């Protein structure tokens, strides 16, 4: 799959870029960061998967069909605002992609083609 023009490629190392997706050729994964103040985690996931799969976000199934989106938002936001030393990582399948969401605003998306590596 060709990378969209908004995406940059990385051969390794730090793979996160603000404001757009970054493709890591080594792992076959897409990385993105989101600002939890401007965008809820559940919404950020939908937009990130849409961009990684070159799909309109409205064409994707509702995130609510695979998990409780409000609970995801609350979990990530609550831990981000707490004094907890525990890092929250949520991992799930959405629209045939493996998604890992970290509380500090990082989303890692593994498309189906990369899972067979």
PDB file of N, CA and C in Angstrom:
ATOM      1  N   UNK A   1       0.844  -1.178   0.000  1.00  0.00           N
ATOM      2  CA  UNK A   1       0.000   0.000   0.000  1.00  0.00           C
ATOM      3  C   UNK A   1       0.883   1.233   0.000  1.00  0.00           C
ATOM      4  N   UNK A   2       0.628   2.149  -0.890  1.00  0.00           N
ATOM      5  CA  UNK A   2       1.382   3.379  -0.940  1.00  0.00           C
ATOM      6  C   UNK A   2       0.943   4.290   0.185  1.00  0.00           C
ATOM      7  N   UNK A   3       1.887   5.052   0.699  1.00  0.00           N
ATOM      8  CA  UNK A   3       1.575   5.987   1.768  1.00  0.00           C
ATOM      9  C   UNK A   3       0.917   7.230   1.194  1.00  0.00           C
ATOM     10  N   UNK A   4      -0.100   7.758   1.880  1.00  0.00           N
ATOM     11  CA  UNK A   4      -0.696   9.014   1.431  1.00  0.00           C
ATOM     12  C   UNK A   4       0.349  10.118   1.448  1.00  0.00           C
ATOM     13  N   UNK A   5       0.124  11.154   0.682  1.00  0.00           N
ATOM     14  CA  UNK A   5       1.104  12.217   0.567  1.00  0.00           C
ATOM     15  C   UNK A   5       1.332  12.945   1.884  1.00  0.00           C
ATOM     16  N   UNK A   6       0.376  12.925   2.783  1.00  0.00           N
ATOM     17  CA  UNK A   6       0.540  13.598   4.068  1.00  0.00           C
ATOM     18  C   UNK A   6       1.450  12.820   5.001  1.00  0.00           C
ATOM     19  N   UNK A   7       1.747  11.590   4.668  1.00  0.00           N
ATOM     20  CA  UNK A   7       2.522  10.747   5.561  1.00  0.00           C
ATOM     21  C   UNK A   7       3.994  10.809   5.210  1.00  0.00           C
ATOM     22  N   UNK A   8       4.830  10.761   6.206  1.00  0.00           N
ATOM     23  CA  UNK A   8       6.257  10.671   5.973  1.00  0.00           C
ATOM     24  C   UNK A   8       6.702   9.263   6.322  1.00  0.00           C
ATOM     25  N   UNK A   9       7.839   8.869   5.805  1.00  0.00           N
ATOM     26  CA  UNK A   9       8.336   7.529   6.067  1.00  0.00           C
ATOM     27  C   UNK A   9       9.560   7.601   6.944  1.00  0.00           C
ATOM     28  N   UNK A  10       9.715   6.574   7.743  1.00  0.00           N
ATOM     29  CA  UNK A  10      10.848   6.473   8.642  1.00  0.00           C
ATOM     30  C   UNK A  10      11.381   5.056   8.564  1.00  0.00           C
ATOM     31  N   UNK A  11      12.676   4.916   8.574  1.00  0.00           N
ATOM     32  CA  UNK A  11      13.251   3.574   8.517  1.00  0.00           C
ATOM     33  C   UNK A  11      13.533   3.025   9.896  1.00  0.00           C
ATOM     34  N   UNK A  12      13.265   3.763  10.927  1.00  0.00           N
ATOM     35  CA  UNK A  12      13.485   3.276  12.284  1.00  0.00           C
ATOM     36  C   UNK A  12      13.599   4.441  13.235  1.00  0.00           C
ATOM     37  N   UNK A  13      13.850   4.145  14.487  1.00  0.00           N
ATOM     38  CA  UNK A  13      14.007   5.200  15.473  1.00  0.00           C
ATOM     39  C   UNK A  13      12.688   5.859  15.794  1.00  0.00           C
ATOM     40  N   UNK A  14      12.727   7.116  16.131  1.00  0.00           N
ATOM     41  CA  UNK A  14      11.527   7.861  16.495  1.00  0.00           C
ATOM     42  C   UNK A  14      10.622   7.991  15.289  1.00  0.00           C
ATOM     43  N   UNK A  15       9.378   7.580  15.431  1.00  0.00           N
ATOM     44  CA  UNK A  15       8.476   7.512  14.291  1.00  0.00           C
ATOM     45  C   UNK A  15       7.235   8.368  14.450  1.00  0.00           C
ATOM     46  N   UNK A  16       7.209   9.232  15.421  1.00  0.00           N
ATOM     47  CA  UNK A  16       5.995   9.998  15.675  1.00  0.00           C
ATOM     48  C   UNK A  16       6.181  11.428  15.198  1.00  0.00           C
ATOM     49  N   UNK A  17       5.194  11.933  14.518  1.00  0.00           N
ATOM     50  CA  UNK A  17       5.229  13.311  14.047  1.00  0.00           C
ATOM     51  C   UNK A  17       3.898  13.968  14.363  1.00  0.00           C
ATOM     52  N   UNK A  18       3.923  15.177  14.897  1.00  0.00           N
ATOM     53  CA  UNK A  18       2.687  15.900  15.199  1.00  0.00           C
ATOM     54  C   UNK A  18       1.982  16.311  13.929  1.00  0.00           C
ATOM     55  N   UNK A  19       0.655  16.206  13.936  1.00  0.00           N
ATOM     56  CA  UNK A  19      -0.141  16.735  12.862  1.00  0.00           C
ATOM     57  C   UNK A  19      -0.360  15.816  11.681  1.00  0.00           C
ATOM     58  N   UNK A  20       0.291  14.702  11.625  1.00  0.00           N
ATOM     59  CA  UNK A  20       0.057  13.772  10.534  1.00  0.00           C
ATOM     60  C   UNK A  20       0.562  12.392  10.911  1.00  0.00           C
ATOM     61  N   UNK A  21       0.275  11.439  10.061  1.00  0.00           N
ATOM     62  CA  UNK A  21       0.715  10.065  10.292  1.00  0.00           C
ATOM     63  C   UNK A  21       2.161   9.914   9.839  1.00  0.00           C
ATOM     64  N   UNK A  22       2.849   9.006  10.496  1.00  0.00           N
ATOM     65  CA  UNK A  22       4.190   8.639  10.094  1.00  0.00           C
ATOM     66  C   UNK A  22       4.192   7.144   9.875  1.00  0.00           C
ATOM     67  N   UNK A  23       4.771   6.706   8.774  1.00  0.00           N
ATOM     68  CA  UNK A  23       4.851   5.286   8.473  1.00  0.00           C
ATOM     69  C   UNK A  23       6.252   4.805   8.792  1.00  0.00           C
ATOM     70  N   UNK A  24       6.325   3.716   9.547  1.00  0.00           N
ATOM     71  CA  UNK A  24       7.608   3.111   9.877  1.00  0.00           C
ATOM     72  C   UNK A  24       7.768   1.876   8.998  1.00  0.00           C
ATOM     73  N   UNK A  25       8.629   1.978   8.000  1.00  0.00           N
ATOM     74  CA  UNK A  25       8.835   0.892   7.041  1.00  0.00           C
ATOM     75  C   UNK A  25       9.332  -0.386   7.708  1.00  0.00           C
ATOM     76  N   UNK A  26      10.153  -0.232   8.725  1.00  0.00           N
ATOM     77  CA  UNK A  26      10.732  -1.378   9.421  1.00  0.00           C
ATOM     78  C   UNK A  26       9.667  -2.259  10.068  1.00  0.00           C
ATOM     79  N   UNK A  27       8.697  -1.632  10.697  1.00  0.00           N
ATOM     80  CA  UNK A  27       7.665  -2.385  11.417  1.00  0.00           C
ATOM     81  C   UNK A  27       6.359  -2.498  10.641  1.00  0.00           C
ATOM     82  N   UNK A  28       6.215  -1.690   9.591  1.00  0.00           N
ATOM     83  CA  UNK A  28       4.977  -1.690   8.815  1.00  0.00           C
ATOM     84  C   UNK A  28       3.825  -1.037   9.554  1.00  0.00           C
ATOM     85  N   UNK A  29       4.133  -0.191  10.529  1.00  0.00           N
ATOM     86  CA  UNK A  29       3.090   0.448  11.330  1.00  0.00           C
ATOM     87  C   UNK A  29       3.012   1.940  11.057  1.00  0.00           C
ATOM     88  N   UNK A  30       1.849   2.485  11.339  1.00  0.00           N
ATOM     89  CA  UNK A  30       1.622   3.923  11.262  1.00  0.00           C
ATOM     90  C   UNK A  30       1.573   4.464  12.683  1.00  0.00           C
ATOM     91  N   UNK A  31       2.135   5.633  12.877  1.00  0.00           N
ATOM     92  CA  UNK A  31       2.150   6.279  14.188  1.00  0.00           C
ATOM     93  C   UNK A  31       1.551   7.670  14.063  1.00  0.00           C
ATOM     94  N   UNK A  32       0.857   8.075  15.086  1.00  0.00           N
ATOM     95  CA  UNK A  32       0.307   9.426  15.138  1.00  0.00           C
ATOM     96  C   UNK A  32       0.267   9.866  16.588  1.00  0.00           C
ATOM     97  N   UNK A  33       0.218  11.157  16.782  1.00  0.00           N
ATOM     98  CA  UNK A  33      -0.002  11.716  18.110  1.00  0.00           C
ATOM     99  C   UNK A  33      -1.223  12.611  18.033  1.00  0.00           C
ATOM    100  N   UNK A  34      -1.914  12.715  19.153  1.00  0.00           N
ATOM    101  CA  UNK A  34      -3.065  13.604  19.202  1.00  0.00           C
ATOM    102  C   UNK A  34      -2.995  14.411  20.479  1.00  0.00           C
ATOM    103  N   UNK A  35      -3.586  15.576  20.419  1.00  0.00           N
ATOM    104  CA  UNK A  35      -3.670  16.457  21.573  1.00  0.00           C
ATOM    105  C   UNK A  35      -4.994  16.180  22.256  1.00  0.00           C
ATOM    106  N   UNK A  36      -4.948  15.584  23.432  1.00  0.00           N
ATOM    107  CA  UNK A  36      -6.156  15.228  24.160  1.00  0.00           C
ATOM    108  C   UNK A  36      -7.034  16.405  24.509  1.00  0.00           C
ATOM    109  N   UNK A  37      -6.482  17.603  24.485  1.00  0.00           N
ATOM    110  CA  UNK A  37      -7.293  18.788  24.766  1.00  0.00           C
ATOM    111  C   UNK A  37      -8.143  19.162  23.554  1.00  0.00           C
ATOM    112  N   UNK A  38      -7.632  18.915  22.359  1.00  0.00           N
ATOM    113  CA  UNK A  38      -8.336  19.309  21.143  1.00  0.00           C
ATOM    114  C   UNK A  38      -9.187  18.185  20.557  1.00  0.00           C
ATOM    115  N   UNK A  39      -8.827  16.933  20.854  1.00  0.00           N
ATOM    116  CA  UNK A  39      -9.489  15.800  20.226  1.00  0.00           C
ATOM    117  C   UNK A  39      -9.610  14.661  21.227  1.00  0.00           C
ATOM    118  N   UNK A  40     -10.810  14.123  21.379  1.00  0.00           N
ATOM    119  CA  UNK A  40     -10.991  12.993  22.284  1.00  0.00           C
ATOM    120  C   UNK A  40     -10.261  11.774  21.719  1.00  0.00           C
ATOM    121  N   UNK A  41      -9.735  10.908  22.590  1.00  0.00           N
ATOM    122  CA  UNK A  41      -9.011   9.724  22.123  1.00  0.00           C
ATOM    123  C   UNK A  41      -9.797   8.874  21.124  1.00  0.00           C
ATOM    124  N   UNK A  42     -11.080   8.646  21.366  1.00  0.00           N
ATOM    125  CA  UNK A  42     -11.877   7.815  20.458  1.00  0.00           C
ATOM    126  C   UNK A  42     -11.968   8.438  19.069  1.00  0.00           C
ATOM    127  N   UNK A  43     -12.124   9.731  19.001  1.00  0.00           N
ATOM    128  CA  UNK A  43     -12.192  10.427  17.716  1.00  0.00           C
ATOM    129  C   UNK A  43     -10.830  10.367  17.030  1.00  0.00           C
ATOM    130  N   UNK A  44      -9.767  10.540  17.790  1.00  0.00           N
ATOM    131  CA  UNK A  44      -8.414  10.473  17.229  1.00  0.00           C
ATOM    132  C   UNK A  44      -8.143   9.101  16.620  1.00  0.00           C
ATOM    133  N   UNK A  45      -8.620   8.046  17.265  1.00  0.00           N
ATOM    134  CA  UNK A  45      -8.440   6.687  16.738  1.00  0.00           C
ATOM    135  C   UNK A  45      -9.122   6.544  15.382  1.00  0.00           C
ATOM    136  N   UNK A  46     -10.351   7.003  15.281  1.00  0.00           N
ATOM    137  CA  UNK A  46     -11.093   6.876  14.023  1.00  0.00           C
ATOM    138  C   UNK A  46     -10.367   7.630  12.906  1.00  0.00           C
ATOM    139  N   UNK A  47      -9.955   8.851  13.173  1.00  0.00           N
ATOM    140  CA  UNK A  47      -9.247   9.629  12.153  1.00  0.00           C
ATOM    141  C   UNK A  47      -7.907   8.991  11.789  1.00  0.00           C
ATOM    142  N   UNK A  48      -7.200   8.451  12.762  1.00  0.00           N
ATOM    143  CA  UNK A  48      -5.899   7.826  12.486  1.00  0.00           C
ATOM    144  C   UNK A  48      -6.054   6.564  11.645  1.00  0.00           C
ATOM    145  N   UNK A  49      -7.029   5.726  11.968  1.00  0.00           N
ATOM    146  CA  UNK A  49      -7.257   4.506  11.178  1.00  0.00           C
ATOM    147  C   UNK A  49      -7.717   4.894   9.773  1.00  0.00           C
ATOM    148  N   UNK A  50      -8.546   5.907   9.668  1.00  0.00           N
ATOM    149  CA  UNK A  50      -8.997   6.357   8.346  1.00  0.00           C
ATOM    150  C   UNK A  50      -7.814   6.823   7.506  1.00  0.00           C
ATOM    151  N   UNK A  51      -6.935   7.592   8.099  1.00  0.00           N
ATOM    152  CA  UNK A  51      -5.781   8.075   7.350  1.00  0.00           C
ATOM    153  C   UNK A  51      -4.835   6.936   6.982  1.00  0.00           C
ATOM    154  N   UNK A  52      -4.586   6.031   7.916  1.00  0.00           N
ATOM    155  CA  UNK A  52      -3.685   4.902   7.644  1.00  0.00           C
ATOM    156  C   UNK A  52      -4.242   3.994   6.549  1.00  0.00           C
ATOM    157  N   UNK A  53      -5.556   3.857   6.492  1.00  0.00           N
ATOM    158  CA  UNK A  53      -6.176   2.974   5.502  1.00  0.00           C
ATOM    159  C   UNK A  53      -6.657   3.725   4.263  1.00  0.00           C
ATOM    160  N   UNK A  54      -6.394   5.033   4.226  1.00  0.00           N
ATOM    161  CA  UNK A  54      -6.813   5.885   3.114  1.00  0.00           C
ATOM    162  C   UNK A  54      -8.315   5.755   2.862  1.00  0.00           C
ATOM    163  N   UNK A  55      -9.056   5.846   3.959  1.00  0.00           N
ATOM    164  CA  UNK A  55     -10.507   5.695   3.939  1.00  0.00           C
ATOM    165  C   UNK A  55     -11.146   6.926   4.568  1.00  0.00           C
ATOM    166  N   UNK A  56     -12.302   7.290   4.095  1.00  0.00           N
ATOM    167  CA  UNK A  56     -13.058   8.372   4.715  1.00  0.00           C
ATOM    168  C   UNK A  56     -13.482   7.910   6.106  1.00  0.00           C
ATOM    169  N   UNK A  57     -13.281   8.722   7.137  1.00  0.00           N
ATOM    170  CA  UNK A  57     -13.676   8.315   8.497  1.00  0.00           C
ATOM    171  C   UNK A  57     -15.142   7.906   8.601  1.00  0.00           C
ATOM    172  N   UNK A  58     -16.010   8.516   7.800  1.00  0.00           N
ATOM    173  CA  UNK A  58     -17.432   8.188   7.850  1.00  0.00           C
ATOM    174  C   UNK A  58     -17.730   6.830   7.215  1.00  0.00           C
ATOM    175  N   UNK A  59     -16.779   6.279   6.463  1.00  0.00           N
ATOM    176  CA  UNK A  59     -16.950   4.960   5.856  1.00  0.00           C
ATOM    177  C   UNK A  59     -16.560   3.828   6.801  1.00  0.00           C
ATOM    178  N   UNK A  60     -15.880   4.163   7.870  1.00  0.00           N
ATOM    179  CA  UNK A  60     -15.469   3.152   8.846  1.00  0.00           C
ATOM    180  C   UNK A  60     -16.639   2.761   9.737  1.00  0.00           C
ATOM    181  N   UNK A  61     -16.601   1.544  10.288  1.00  0.00           N
ATOM    182  CA  UNK A  61     -17.665   1.174  11.233  1.00  0.00           C
ATOM    183  C   UNK A  61     -17.562   2.051  12.484  1.00  0.00           C
ATOM    184  N   UNK A  62     -18.651   2.220  13.189  1.00  0.00           N
ATOM    185  CA  UNK A  62     -18.583   3.004  14.428  1.00  0.00           C
ATOM    186  C   UNK A  62     -17.609   2.350  15.412  1.00  0.00           C
ATOM    187  N   UNK A  63     -16.773   3.147  16.024  1.00  0.00           N
ATOM    188  CA  UNK A  63     -15.832   2.617  17.016  1.00  0.00           C
ATOM    189  C   UNK A  63     -16.599   1.927  18.140  1.00  0.00           C
ATOM    190  N   UNK A  64     -17.779   2.422  18.419  1.00  0.00           N
ATOM    191  CA  UNK A  64     -18.641   1.864  19.461  1.00  0.00           C
ATOM    192  C   UNK A  64     -18.962   0.391  19.200  1.00  0.00           C
ATOM    193  N   UNK A  65     -18.802  -0.073  17.961  1.00  0.00           N
ATOM    194  CA  UNK A  65     -19.087  -1.478  17.645  1.00  0.00           C
ATOM    195  C   UNK A  65     -18.017  -2.424  18.174  1.00  0.00           C
ATOM    196  N   UNK A  66     -16.855  -1.894  18.550  1.00  0.00           N
ATOM    197  CA  UNK A  66     -15.785  -2.759  19.076  1.00  0.00           C
ATOM    198  C   UNK A  66     -15.422  -2.454  20.525  1.00  0.00           C
ATOM    199  N   UNK A  67     -15.768  -1.268  21.005  1.00  0.00           N
ATOM    200  CA  UNK A  67     -15.511  -0.934  22.410  1.00  0.00           C
ATOM    201  C   UNK A  67     -16.364   0.249  22.824  1.00  0.00           C
ATOM    202  N   UNK A  68     -16.405   0.497  24.100  1.00  0.00           N
ATOM    203  CA  UNK A  68     -17.164   1.628  24.632  1.00  0.00           C
ATOM    204  C   UNK A  68     -16.286   2.879  24.484  1.00  0.00           C
ATOM    205  N   UNK A  69     -16.616   3.711  23.501  1.00  0.00           N
ATOM    206  CA  UNK A  69     -15.801   4.881  23.193  1.00  0.00           C
ATOM    207  C   UNK A  69     -15.740   5.866  24.363  1.00  0.00           C
ATOM    208  N   UNK A  70     -16.846   6.038  25.058  1.00  0.00           N
ATOM    209  CA  UNK A  70     -16.854   6.951  26.208  1.00  0.00           C
ATOM    210  C   UNK A  70     -15.951   6.425  27.327  1.00  0.00           C
ATOM    211  N   UNK A  71     -15.963   5.115  27.526  1.00  0.00           N
ATOM    212  CA  UNK A  71     -15.083   4.521  28.542  1.00  0.00           C
ATOM    213  C   UNK A  71     -13.612   4.694  28.144  1.00  0.00           C
ATOM    214  N   UNK A  72     -13.318   4.538  26.862  1.00  0.00           N
ATOM    215  CA  UNK A  72     -11.953   4.746  26.381  1.00  0.00           C
ATOM    216  C   UNK A  72     -11.522   6.183  26.655  1.00  0.00           C
ATOM    217  N   UNK A  73     -12.361   7.135  26.304  1.00  0.00           N
ATOM    218  CA  UNK A  73     -12.044   8.549  26.562  1.00  0.00           C
ATOM    219  C   UNK A  73     -11.818   8.795  28.046  1.00  0.00           C
ATOM    220  N   UNK A  74     -12.708   8.269  28.869  1.00  0.00           N
ATOM    221  CA  UNK A  74     -12.605   8.480  30.319  1.00  0.00           C
ATOM    222  C   UNK A  74     -11.344   7.843  30.891  1.00  0.00           C
ATOM    223  N   UNK A  75     -11.026   6.641  30.441  1.00  0.00           N
ATOM    224  CA  UNK A  75      -9.837   5.939  30.934  1.00  0.00           C
ATOM    225  C   UNK A  75      -8.567   6.712  30.615  1.00  0.00           C
ATOM    226  N   UNK A  76      -8.443   7.133  29.381  1.00  0.00           N
ATOM    227  CA  UNK A  76      -7.240   7.853  28.961  1.00  0.00           C
ATOM    228  C   UNK A  76      -7.162   9.211  29.629  1.00  0.00           C
ATOM    229  N   UNK A  77      -8.266   9.938  29.664  1.00  0.00           N
ATOM    230  CA  UNK A  77      -8.270  11.275  30.268  1.00  0.00           C
ATOM    231  C   UNK A  77      -8.050  11.231  31.776  1.00  0.00           C
ATOM    232  N   UNK A  78      -8.694  10.279  32.452  1.00  0.00           N
ATOM    233  CA  UNK A  78      -8.555  10.176  33.906  1.00  0.00           C
ATOM    234  C   UNK A  78      -7.116   9.891  34.285  1.00  0.00           C
ATOM    235  N   UNK A  79      -6.487   8.955  33.604  1.00  0.00           N
ATOM    236  CA  UNK A  79      -5.107   8.607  33.952  1.00  0.00           C
ATOM    237  C   UNK A  79      -4.144   9.738  33.596  1.00  0.00           C
ATOM    238  N   UNK A  80      -4.406  10.439  32.503  1.00  0.00           N
ATOM    239  CA  UNK A  80      -3.544  11.540  32.089  1.00  0.00           C
ATOM    240  C   UNK A  80      -3.560  12.662  33.127  1.00  0.00           C
ATOM    241  N   UNK A  81      -4.714  12.878  33.752  1.00  0.00           N
ATOM    242  CA  UNK A  81      -4.853  13.957  34.720  1.00  0.00           C
ATOM    243  C   UNK A  81      -4.533  13.539  36.150  1.00  0.00           C
ATOM    244  N   UNK A  82      -4.219  12.267  36.372  1.00  0.00           N
ATOM    245  CA  UNK A  82      -3.944  11.810  37.734  1.00  0.00           C
ATOM    246  C   UNK A  82      -2.449  11.863  38.039  1.00  0.00           C
ATOM    247  N   UNK A  83      -2.124  11.603  39.260  1.00  0.00           N
ATOM    248  CA  UNK A  83      -0.730  11.562  39.694  1.00  0.00           C
ATOM    249  C   UNK A  83      -0.158  10.154  39.583  1.00  0.00           C
ATOM    250  N   UNK A  84      -0.885   9.266  38.951  1.00  0.00           N
ATOM    251  CA  UNK A  84      -0.495   7.868  38.838  1.00  0.00           C
ATOM    252  C   UNK A  84       0.796   7.706  38.050  1.00  0.00           C
ATOM    253  N   UNK A  85       1.616   6.773  38.489  1.00  0.00           N
ATOM    254  CA  UNK A  85       2.844   6.449  37.785  1.00  0.00           C
ATOM    255  C   UNK A  85       2.623   5.337  36.764  1.00  0.00           C
ATOM    256  N   UNK A  86       1.401   4.856  36.680  1.00  0.00           N
ATOM    257  CA  UNK A  86       1.067   3.766  35.777  1.00  0.00           C
ATOM    258  C   UNK A  86       0.730   4.316  34.402  1.00  0.00           C
ATOM    259  N   UNK A  87       1.366   3.775  33.380  1.00  0.00           N
ATOM    260  CA  UNK A  87       1.042   4.148  32.008  1.00  0.00           C
ATOM    261  C   UNK A  87      -0.104   3.283  31.514  1.00  0.00           C
ATOM    262  N   UNK A  88      -1.067   3.914  30.883  1.00  0.00           N
ATOM    263  CA  UNK A  88      -2.210   3.191  30.333  1.00  0.00           C
ATOM    264  C   UNK A  88      -1.949   2.930  28.852  1.00  0.00           C
ATOM    265  N   UNK A  89      -2.147   1.692  28.446  1.00  0.00           N
ATOM    266  CA  UNK A  89      -2.085   1.306  27.038  1.00  0.00           C
ATOM    267  C   UNK A  89      -3.311   0.463  26.749  1.00  0.00           C
ATOM    268  N   UNK A  90      -4.045   0.849  25.712  1.00  0.00           N
ATOM    269  CA  UNK A  90      -5.247   0.114  25.313  1.00  0.00           C
ATOM    270  C   UNK A  90      -4.984  -0.431  23.916  1.00  0.00           C
ATOM    271  N   UNK A  91      -5.234  -1.728  23.752  1.00  0.00           N
ATOM    272  CA  UNK A  91      -4.979  -2.396  22.481  1.00  0.00           C
ATOM    273  C   UNK A  91      -6.258  -3.088  22.024  1.00  0.00           C
ATOM    274  N   UNK A  92      -6.623  -2.905  20.750  1.00  0.00           N
ATOM    275  CA  UNK A  92      -7.846  -3.514  20.236  1.00  0.00           C
ATOM    276  C   UNK A  92      -7.790  -3.572  18.712  1.00  0.00           C
ATOM    277  N   UNK A  93      -8.716  -4.315  18.136  1.00  0.00           N
ATOM    278  CA  UNK A  93      -8.861  -4.428  16.687  1.00  0.00           C
ATOM    279  C   UNK A  93      -9.989  -3.508  16.246  1.00  0.00           C
ATOM    280  N   UNK A  94      -9.745  -2.753  15.181  1.00  0.00           N
ATOM    281  CA  UNK A  94     -10.773  -1.859  14.650  1.00  0.00           C
ATOM    282  C   UNK A  94     -10.593  -1.747  13.133  1.00  0.00           C
ATOM    283  N   UNK A  95     -11.637  -2.020  12.400  1.00  0.00           N
ATOM    284  CA  UNK A  95     -11.630  -1.927  10.936  1.00  0.00           C
ATOM    285  C   UNK A  95     -10.457  -2.695  10.334  1.00  0.00           C
ATOM    286  N   UNK A  96     -10.251  -3.914  10.827  1.00  0.00           N
ATOM    287  CA  UNK A  96      -9.185  -4.807  10.360  1.00  0.00           C
ATOM    288  C   UNK A  96      -7.776  -4.309  10.669  1.00  0.00           C
ATOM    289  N   UNK A  97      -7.643  -3.360  11.558  1.00  0.00           N
ATOM    290  CA  UNK A  97      -6.341  -2.835  11.964  1.00  0.00           C
ATOM    291  C   UNK A  97      -6.150  -3.083  13.461  1.00  0.00           C
ATOM    292  N   UNK A  98      -4.923  -3.354  13.841  1.00  0.00           N
ATOM    293  CA  UNK A  98      -4.603  -3.477  15.262  1.00  0.00           C
ATOM    294  C   UNK A  98      -4.231  -2.076  15.742  1.00  0.00           C
ATOM    295  N   UNK A  99      -4.904  -1.604  16.782  1.00  0.00           N
ATOM    296  CA  UNK A  99      -4.702  -0.255  17.293  1.00  0.00           C
ATOM    297  C   UNK A  99      -4.164  -0.323  18.714  1.00  0.00           C
ATOM    298  N   UNK A 100      -3.120   0.450  18.978  1.00  0.00           N
ATOM    299  CA  UNK A 100      -2.599   0.600  20.338  1.00  0.00           C
ATOM    300  C   UNK A 100      -2.657   2.091  20.647  1.00  0.00           C
ATOM    301  N   UNK A 101      -3.373   2.417  21.717  1.00  0.00           N
ATOM    302  CA  UNK A 101      -3.532   3.803  22.144  1.00  0.00           C
ATOM    303  C   UNK A 101      -2.847   3.961  23.490  1.00  0.00           C
ATOM    304  N   UNK A 102      -1.972   4.935  23.568  1.00  0.00           N
ATOM    305  CA  UNK A 102      -1.281   5.212  24.826  1.00  0.00           C
ATOM    306  C   UNK A 102      -1.790   6.539  25.370  1.00  0.00           C
ATOM    307  N   UNK A 103      -1.876   6.618  26.672  1.00  0.00           N
ATOM    308  CA  UNK A 103      -2.492   7.776  27.305  1.00  0.00           C
ATOM    309  C   UNK A 103      -1.823   9.092  26.975  1.00  0.00           C
ATOM    310  N   UNK A 104      -0.552   9.085  26.655  1.00  0.00           N
ATOM    311  CA  UNK A 104       0.143  10.343  26.398  1.00  0.00           C
ATOM    312  C   UNK A 104      -0.076  10.852  24.980  1.00  0.00           C
ATOM    313  N   UNK A 105      -1.023  10.244  24.264  1.00  0.00           N
ATOM    314  CA  UNK A 105      -1.413  10.762  22.966  1.00  0.00           C
ATOM    315  C   UNK A 105      -0.804  10.063  21.776  1.00  0.00           C
ATOM    316  N   UNK A 106      -0.212   8.914  21.960  1.00  0.00           N
ATOM    317  CA  UNK A 106       0.377   8.182  20.835  1.00  0.00           C
ATOM    318  C   UNK A 106      -0.563   7.065  20.393  1.00  0.00           C
ATOM    319  N   UNK A 107      -0.755   6.971  19.087  1.00  0.00           N
ATOM    320  CA  UNK A 107      -1.547   5.893  18.499  1.00  0.00           C
ATOM    321  C   UNK A 107      -0.642   5.146  17.528  1.00  0.00           C
ATOM    322  N   UNK A 108      -0.606   3.825  17.656  1.00  0.00           N
ATOM    323  CA  UNK A 108       0.146   2.987  16.729  1.00  0.00           C
ATOM    324  C   UNK A 108      -0.862   2.081  16.030  1.00  0.00           C
ATOM    325  N   UNK A 109      -0.836   2.095  14.710  1.00  0.00           N
ATOM    326  CA  UNK A 109      -1.791   1.324  13.921  1.00  0.00           C
ATOM    327  C   UNK A 109      -1.038   0.327  13.062  1.00  0.00           C
ATOM    328  N   UNK A 110      -1.422  -0.940  13.189  1.00  0.00           N
ATOM    329  CA  UNK A 110      -0.836  -1.992  12.366  1.00  0.00           C
ATOM    330  C   UNK A 110      -1.887  -2.461  11.378  1.00  0.00           C
ATOM    331  N   UNK A 111      -1.661  -2.192  10.085  1.00  0.00           N
ATOM    332  CA  UNK A 111      -2.618  -2.662   9.082  1.00  0.00           C
ATOM    333  C   UNK A 111      -2.523  -4.176   8.917  1.00  0.00           C
ATOM    334  N   UNK A 112      -3.546  -4.778   8.342  1.00  0.00           N
ATOM    335  CA  UNK A 112      -3.545  -6.244   8.183  1.00  0.00           C
ATOM    336  C   UNK A 112      -2.306  -6.752   7.459  1.00  0.00           C
ATOM    337  N   UNK A 113      -1.809  -6.047   6.472  1.00  0.00           N
ATOM    338  CA  UNK A 113      -0.647  -6.502   5.705  1.00  0.00           C
ATOM    339  C   UNK A 113       0.611  -6.582   6.557  1.00  0.00           C
ATOM    340  N   UNK A 114       0.743  -5.727   7.565  1.00  0.00           N
ATOM    341  CA  UNK A 114       1.943  -5.729   8.411  1.00  0.00           C
ATOM    342  C   UNK A 114       1.906  -6.807   9.469  1.00  0.00           C
ATOM    343  N   UNK A 115       0.723  -7.307   9.807  1.00  0.00           N
ATOM    344  CA  UNK A 115       0.612  -8.334  10.846  1.00  0.00           C
ATOM    345  C   UNK A 115       1.201  -9.664  10.402  1.00  0.00           C
ATOM    346  N   UNK A 116       1.386  -9.845   9.109  1.00  0.00           N
ATOM    347  CA  UNK A 116       1.929 -11.106   8.582  1.00  0.00           C
ATOM    348  C   UNK A 116       3.448 -11.079   8.433  1.00  0.00           C
ATOM    349  N   UNK A 117       4.079 -10.022   8.905  1.00  0.00           N
ATOM    350  CA  UNK A 117       5.524  -9.912   8.780  1.00  0.00           C
ATOM    351  C   UNK A 117       6.227 -10.855   9.705  1.00  0.00           C
TER     352      UNK A 117
END
